[in-house]
Amino acid sequence: MATGKDRQKQLAREHYERQMQRRIEREQKAKRTAIIGSTVGVVIVVGGIVAAVALLGGNDTGTEAAASPSAAATPADTAQASASTGPKPYDAKTGTCDYVKDTSGGTVKDVGMPPTKVKTEPATKTMTFKTNLGDIVVELNNAKAPCTTNSLEFLAKKNYYDGSKCHRLGSDQFPMLQCGDPTAKADGKNQTDGQGGPGYVMAEENLQGAQYKRGVMAMAKTNAPGSTGSQFFLVYGDIGLTPDYTPVGTITKGLDILDKVNKAGNIPGAMGDGTGAPKQTVEIKDVTIAGKS
């Protein structure tokens, strides 16, 4: 007959097993919704900041923006970006990009597929996010990330980002703000934040020598190559991520806004990596992209 002590041990063991099961479920979900998706040794996605990395990976079904948040580069840079069954990198000979259906199962805001024929000129384009806190302006590297730039331009013209809220803010150790999920509530309560996307994915670009320093805009993705969608992260510090996320542009205006949002802090999320919904709401009102000679 079991003693009271035996019963206590059994209950403790069952409690531990439930905790481990919940942890496994959280980690599996994190992989689906991460922005950057890797670990850095410190709390980031890459290099030294371990936990946050997965965040960046989220793909539109959970883009990894920071832990687990690609640009068009030369074929040499991007050939490794996708598997043979995934989206192919930019083809310089034909001037075409490959956008394929996203089968990861996230929430989709369907606006169709971008045109596959693109131009690498002008070399740069100016992307302006009109937010409730002011304008954030990014110089897009169209020459090295033509497929990503083309996708962003397509989504902007479809008003895809209008009314969306940035759903994930890092910390001083993982200084980035992740946006681009049109379904995110960004209130710290919605468990599906980071899982929304356009229903298509593309290969990562411009990865050779990629660094994620203050002022960089990069695309979020899952751990899998060729999983870049609509989510992106804006870096307001230096992040030691591995070169797996398309660096698509450089912030030329609005870093003060990101600093303000960072100062306000975040609502710690369930992942326990220090990231969470920003306390200071950042809502994208409108997005425009213009060419630059």
Protein backbone atom coordinates (compact mmCIF):
# COMPACT_ATOMS: atom_id res chain seq x y z
CA MET A 1 0.00 0.00 0.00
CA ALA A 2 1.39 3.38 -0.99
CA THR A 3 2.52 5.67 1.83
CA GLY A 4 1.83 9.38 2.02
CA LYS A 5 5.44 10.00 1.05
CA ASP A 6 5.10 7.73 -2.01
CA ARG A 7 1.99 9.64 -3.03
CA GLN A 8 3.82 12.95 -2.72
CA LYS A 9 6.62 11.65 -4.91
CA GLN A 10 4.11 10.47 -7.52
CA LEU A 11 2.33 13.84 -7.55
CA ALA A 12 5.67 15.65 -7.84
CA ARG A 13 6.70 13.41 -10.73
CA GLU A 14 3.38 13.99 -12.53
CA HIS A 15 3.72 17.74 -11.98
CA TYR A 16 7.23 17.67 -13.44
CA GLU A 17 6.06 15.67 -16.46
CA ARG A 18 3.27 18.18 -17.12
CA GLN A 19 5.76 21.04 -16.89
CA MET A 20 8.08 19.35 -19.37
CA GLN A 21 5.21 18.66 -21.77
CA ARG A 22 4.15 22.32 -21.66
CA ARG A 23 7.75 23.37 -22.21
CA ILE A 24 8.04 21.12 -25.27
CA GLU A 25 4.79 22.53 -26.66
CA ARG A 26 6.02 26.10 -26.09
CA GLU A 27 9.32 25.35 -27.81
CA GLN A 28 7.57 23.76 -30.77
CA LYS A 29 5.31 26.77 -31.07
CA ALA A 30 8.28 29.11 -30.75
CA LYS A 31 9.97 27.42 -33.68
CA ARG A 32 6.89 28.07 -35.77
CA THR A 33 6.59 31.66 -34.77
CA ALA A 34 10.09 32.84 -34.19
CA ILE A 35 11.43 35.86 -35.89
CA ILE A 36 15.03 35.31 -36.23
CA GLY A 37 15.14 31.92 -34.95
CA SER A 38 18.49 31.12 -33.66
CA THR A 39 20.55 31.38 -30.66
CA VAL A 40 23.34 33.55 -29.99
CA GLY A 41 24.84 32.60 -26.88
CA VAL A 42 23.37 35.45 -25.17
CA VAL A 43 19.78 35.79 -25.67
CA ILE A 44 19.42 36.43 -29.21
CA VAL A 45 19.01 34.77 -32.36
CA VAL A 46 22.41 34.38 -33.41
CA GLY A 47 25.69 34.47 -31.94
CA GLY A 48 25.41 35.16 -28.46
CA ILE A 49 22.04 35.91 -27.46
CA VAL A 50 20.48 32.66 -27.56
CA ALA A 51 16.87 32.77 -26.61
CA ALA A 52 15.87 35.75 -28.54
CA VAL A 53 16.95 34.34 -31.78
CA ALA A 54 14.10 32.05 -32.09
CA LEU A 55 11.91 35.04 -32.12
CA LEU A 56 13.15 36.33 -35.35
CA GLY A 57 12.51 33.20 -37.13
CA GLY A 58 8.83 33.33 -37.08
CA ASN A 59 7.49 33.05 -40.39
CA ASP A 60 4.49 34.31 -41.03
CA THR A 61 3.40 31.29 -39.23
CA GLY A 62 5.58 32.32 -36.59
CA THR A 63 8.41 34.25 -37.91
CA GLU A 64 11.62 34.14 -36.03
CA ALA A 65 12.39 37.61 -35.37
CA ALA A 66 14.68 37.18 -32.63
CA ALA A 67 15.36 33.88 -31.56
CA SER A 68 14.38 30.72 -32.54
CA PRO A 69 13.58 37.99 -36.92
CA SER A 70 17.40 38.09 -46.48
CA ALA A 71 17.91 40.22 -49.11
CA ALA A 72 18.44 39.81 -52.78
CA ALA A 73 22.03 39.15 -53.35
CA THR A 74 24.09 37.69 -56.08
CA PRO A 75 23.33 34.11 -57.06
CA ALA A 76 26.49 33.02 -55.24
CA ASP A 77 25.34 34.56 -51.98
CA THR A 78 21.87 33.15 -52.17
CA ALA A 79 22.29 29.74 -53.72
CA GLN A 80 22.47 28.23 -50.26
CA ALA A 81 19.33 30.00 -49.12
CA SER A 82 16.83 27.45 -50.25
CA ALA A 83 16.64 23.73 -50.64
CA SER A 84 15.94 22.17 -54.00
CA THR A 85 12.28 21.87 -53.10
CA GLY A 86 11.97 25.40 -51.75
CA PRO A 87 11.91 28.81 -53.40
CA LYS A 88 14.87 29.49 -55.67
CA PRO A 89 17.07 32.57 -55.34
CA TYR A 90 17.06 35.48 -57.77
CA ASP A 91 17.99 34.45 -61.30
CA ALA A 92 20.19 37.20 -62.72
CA LYS A 93 20.04 35.77 -66.25
CA THR A 94 16.27 36.04 -66.52
CA GLY A 95 15.73 38.78 -63.94
CA THR A 96 13.16 36.68 -62.11
CA CYS A 97 12.29 35.76 -58.53
CA ASP A 98 10.63 32.66 -57.16
CA TYR A 99 7.71 33.04 -54.76
CA VAL A 100 6.05 29.85 -53.59
CA LYS A 101 3.03 29.00 -51.47
CA ASP A 102 3.67 28.97 -47.74
CA THR A 103 2.61 25.58 -46.41
CA SER A 104 3.62 26.16 -42.79
CA GLY A 105 0.06 26.70 -41.64
CA GLY A 106 0.09 30.26 -40.30
CA THR A 107 -2.73 32.78 -40.55
CA VAL A 108 -2.81 34.26 -44.06
CA LYS A 109 -3.79 37.70 -45.28
CA ASP A 110 -4.06 36.77 -48.93
CA VAL A 111 -3.24 39.56 -51.36
CA GLY A 112 -1.94 37.35 -54.15
CA MET A 113 1.60 36.73 -55.37
CA PRO A 114 4.17 39.38 -56.35
CA PRO A 115 5.21 39.61 -60.01
CA THR A 116 8.21 37.39 -60.67
CA LYS A 117 9.95 39.72 -63.13
CA VAL A 118 12.04 42.32 -61.32
CA LYS A 119 14.70 44.94 -61.97
CA THR A 120 17.79 45.65 -59.90
CA GLU A 121 17.70 49.30 -60.93
CA PRO A 122 17.42 51.72 -59.31
CA ALA A 123 19.98 50.31 -56.90
CA THR A 124 18.08 51.70 -53.91
CA LYS A 125 14.46 52.48 -53.10
CA THR A 126 13.00 54.45 -50.22
CA MET A 127 10.46 52.76 -47.98
CA THR A 128 8.46 54.97 -45.63
CA PHE A 129 6.45 53.56 -42.73
CA LYS A 130 3.94 56.10 -41.48
CA THR A 131 3.28 55.11 -37.88
CA ASN A 132 1.34 56.53 -34.95
CA LEU A 133 4.70 57.72 -33.57
CA GLY A 134 6.04 59.31 -36.74
CA ASP A 135 7.79 58.22 -39.93
CA ILE A 136 10.37 55.47 -40.10
CA VAL A 137 12.28 55.62 -43.38
CA VAL A 138 14.40 52.80 -44.79
CA GLU A 139 16.71 52.80 -47.81
CA LEU A 140 16.12 49.42 -49.43
CA ASN A 141 19.02 47.66 -51.17
CA ASN A 142 17.28 46.75 -54.40
CA ALA A 143 20.53 45.81 -56.12
CA LYS A 144 21.40 43.07 -53.63
CA ALA A 145 17.92 42.12 -52.43
CA PRO A 146 15.69 42.53 -55.49
CA CYS A 147 13.23 39.76 -54.66
CA THR A 148 12.73 40.96 -51.10
CA THR A 149 12.40 44.57 -52.22
CA ASN A 150 9.95 43.55 -54.91
CA SER A 151 7.85 41.67 -52.35
CA LEU A 152 7.81 44.62 -49.95
CA GLU A 153 6.78 46.96 -52.76
CA PHE A 154 4.01 44.58 -53.80
CA LEU A 155 2.69 44.30 -50.24
CA ALA A 156 2.84 48.07 -49.78
CA LYS A 157 0.76 48.63 -52.92
CA LYS A 158 -1.79 46.10 -51.63
CA ASN A 159 -2.03 48.01 -48.31
CA TYR A 160 -1.01 44.77 -46.64
CA TYR A 161 0.73 46.43 -43.69
CA ASP A 162 -1.81 49.20 -43.13
CA GLY A 163 -3.30 49.04 -39.65
CA SER A 164 -0.86 46.36 -38.44
CA LYS A 165 0.98 46.55 -35.13
CA CYS A 166 4.56 45.65 -34.33
CA HIS A 167 4.21 42.65 -32.03
CA ARG A 168 7.62 41.90 -30.61
CA LEU A 169 10.17 44.07 -28.85
CA GLY A 170 13.51 42.81 -27.62
CA SER A 171 15.69 44.27 -24.91
CA ASP A 172 19.08 45.90 -24.52
CA GLN A 173 20.55 42.42 -25.06
CA PHE A 174 18.40 41.78 -28.11
CA PRO A 175 17.65 45.23 -29.52
CA MET A 176 15.06 44.80 -32.23
CA LEU A 177 11.42 45.55 -32.98
CA GLN A 178 9.59 42.93 -35.05
CA CYS A 179 6.67 43.84 -37.27
CA GLY A 180 4.89 42.61 -40.38
CA ASP A 181 2.24 40.23 -39.01
CA PRO A 182 -1.03 41.85 -40.16
CA THR A 183 -3.02 39.72 -37.71
CA ALA A 184 -1.03 40.51 -34.55
CA LYS A 185 -2.85 42.07 -31.60
CA ALA A 186 0.41 43.15 -29.94
CA ASP A 187 -1.24 43.27 -26.52
CA GLY A 188 0.81 40.61 -24.79
CA LYS A 189 -2.18 38.27 -24.62
CA ASN A 190 -2.60 36.90 -28.13
CA GLN A 191 -0.72 33.60 -28.45
CA THR A 192 -0.86 33.69 -32.26
CA ASP A 193 1.08 36.94 -32.68
CA GLY A 194 3.93 36.32 -35.10
CA GLN A 195 2.09 33.63 -37.04
CA GLY A 196 0.56 35.81 -39.74
CA GLY A 197 1.87 36.13 -43.28
CA PRO A 198 1.00 36.74 -46.95
CA GLY A 199 0.66 33.07 -47.88
CA TYR A 200 3.93 32.91 -49.81
CA VAL A 201 7.64 32.65 -49.01
CA MET A 202 10.89 33.39 -50.81
CA ALA A 203 14.60 32.62 -50.60
CA GLU A 204 16.86 34.67 -48.34
CA GLU A 205 19.19 37.18 -50.02
CA ASN A 206 22.25 39.35 -49.43
CA LEU A 207 23.59 37.04 -46.74
CA GLN A 208 27.30 37.16 -47.51
CA GLY A 209 28.93 39.10 -44.69
CA ALA A 210 25.54 40.10 -43.29
CA GLN A 211 25.63 41.91 -39.95
CA TYR A 212 22.72 43.09 -37.84
CA LYS A 213 23.89 46.37 -36.40
CA ARG A 214 21.97 49.46 -35.31
CA GLY A 215 19.97 50.81 -38.22
CA VAL A 216 19.53 47.55 -40.15
CA MET A 217 16.16 46.32 -41.39
CA ALA A 218 16.15 42.56 -41.92
CA MET A 219 13.54 39.94 -42.71
CA ALA A 220 12.28 37.44 -40.16
CA LYS A 221 12.05 33.77 -40.99
CA THR A 222 11.75 30.34 -39.44
CA ASN A 223 14.70 28.02 -38.98
CA ALA A 224 14.12 26.56 -42.42
CA PRO A 225 15.84 28.17 -45.42
CA GLY A 226 13.55 29.79 -47.95
CA SER A 227 10.98 30.79 -45.32
CA THR A 228 11.10 34.58 -45.58
CA GLY A 229 7.63 36.13 -45.77
CA SER A 230 6.27 39.52 -44.75
CA GLN A 231 7.65 39.89 -41.22
CA PHE A 232 10.74 41.99 -40.57
CA PHE A 233 12.74 43.39 -37.69
CA LEU A 234 14.23 46.83 -37.14
CA VAL A 235 17.51 46.84 -35.23
CA TYR A 236 18.20 49.70 -32.80
CA GLY A 237 21.37 48.21 -31.28
CA ASP A 238 23.87 45.58 -32.37
CA ILE A 239 22.77 41.93 -32.55
CA GLY A 240 25.20 39.06 -32.99
CA LEU A 241 23.03 36.98 -35.27
CA THR A 242 24.31 34.50 -37.78
CA PRO A 243 23.93 35.63 -41.43
CA ASP A 244 20.63 33.86 -42.05
CA TYR A 245 18.19 36.77 -42.24
CA THR A 246 17.96 38.95 -45.32
CA PRO A 247 19.34 42.42 -44.54
CA VAL A 248 17.13 44.37 -46.91
CA GLY A 249 17.86 47.96 -45.97
CA THR A 250 19.16 50.69 -43.69
CA ILE A 251 17.05 52.94 -41.47
CA THR A 252 17.74 56.58 -42.39
CA LYS A 253 15.05 58.17 -40.21
CA GLY A 254 13.17 57.03 -37.15
CA LEU A 255 15.80 55.40 -34.95
CA ASP A 256 14.75 57.87 -32.26
CA ILE A 257 11.27 56.33 -32.43
CA LEU A 258 12.71 52.86 -31.87
CA ASP A 259 14.76 54.16 -28.94
CA LYS A 260 11.59 55.64 -27.43
CA VAL A 261 9.72 52.36 -27.83
CA ASN A 262 12.63 50.46 -26.29
CA LYS A 263 12.73 52.82 -23.32
CA ALA A 264 9.05 52.14 -22.62
CA GLY A 265 9.82 48.43 -22.34
CA ASN A 266 7.81 45.35 -23.21
CA ILE A 267 5.25 42.96 -21.80
CA PRO A 268 7.31 39.81 -21.23
CA GLY A 269 6.03 36.96 -23.36
CA ALA A 270 5.53 33.30 -22.55
CA MET A 271 8.78 32.30 -24.25
CA GLY A 272 10.79 33.64 -21.34
CA ASP A 273 13.51 35.10 -23.57
CA GLY A 274 13.05 38.72 -22.56
CA THR A 275 11.03 39.68 -25.64
CA GLY A 276 7.37 40.59 -25.72
CA ALA A 277 4.76 43.00 -27.02
CA PRO A 278 5.95 46.62 -26.78
CA LYS A 279 4.26 48.64 -24.05
CA GLN A 280 4.35 51.62 -26.40
CA THR A 281 2.09 50.62 -29.30
CA VAL A 282 3.62 50.96 -32.76
CA GLU A 283 0.94 50.89 -35.44
CA ILE A 284 1.77 51.11 -39.13
CA LYS A 285 -0.72 53.44 -40.78
CA ASP A 286 0.61 53.35 -44.33
CA VAL A 287 3.63 52.18 -46.30
CA THR A 288 5.03 53.69 -49.49
CA ILE A 289 8.05 52.80 -51.60
CA ALA A 290 9.65 55.14 -54.12
CA GLY A 291 12.56 54.64 -56.49
CA LYS A 292 15.78 56.54 -56.10
CA SER A 293 18.33 57.21 -58.80
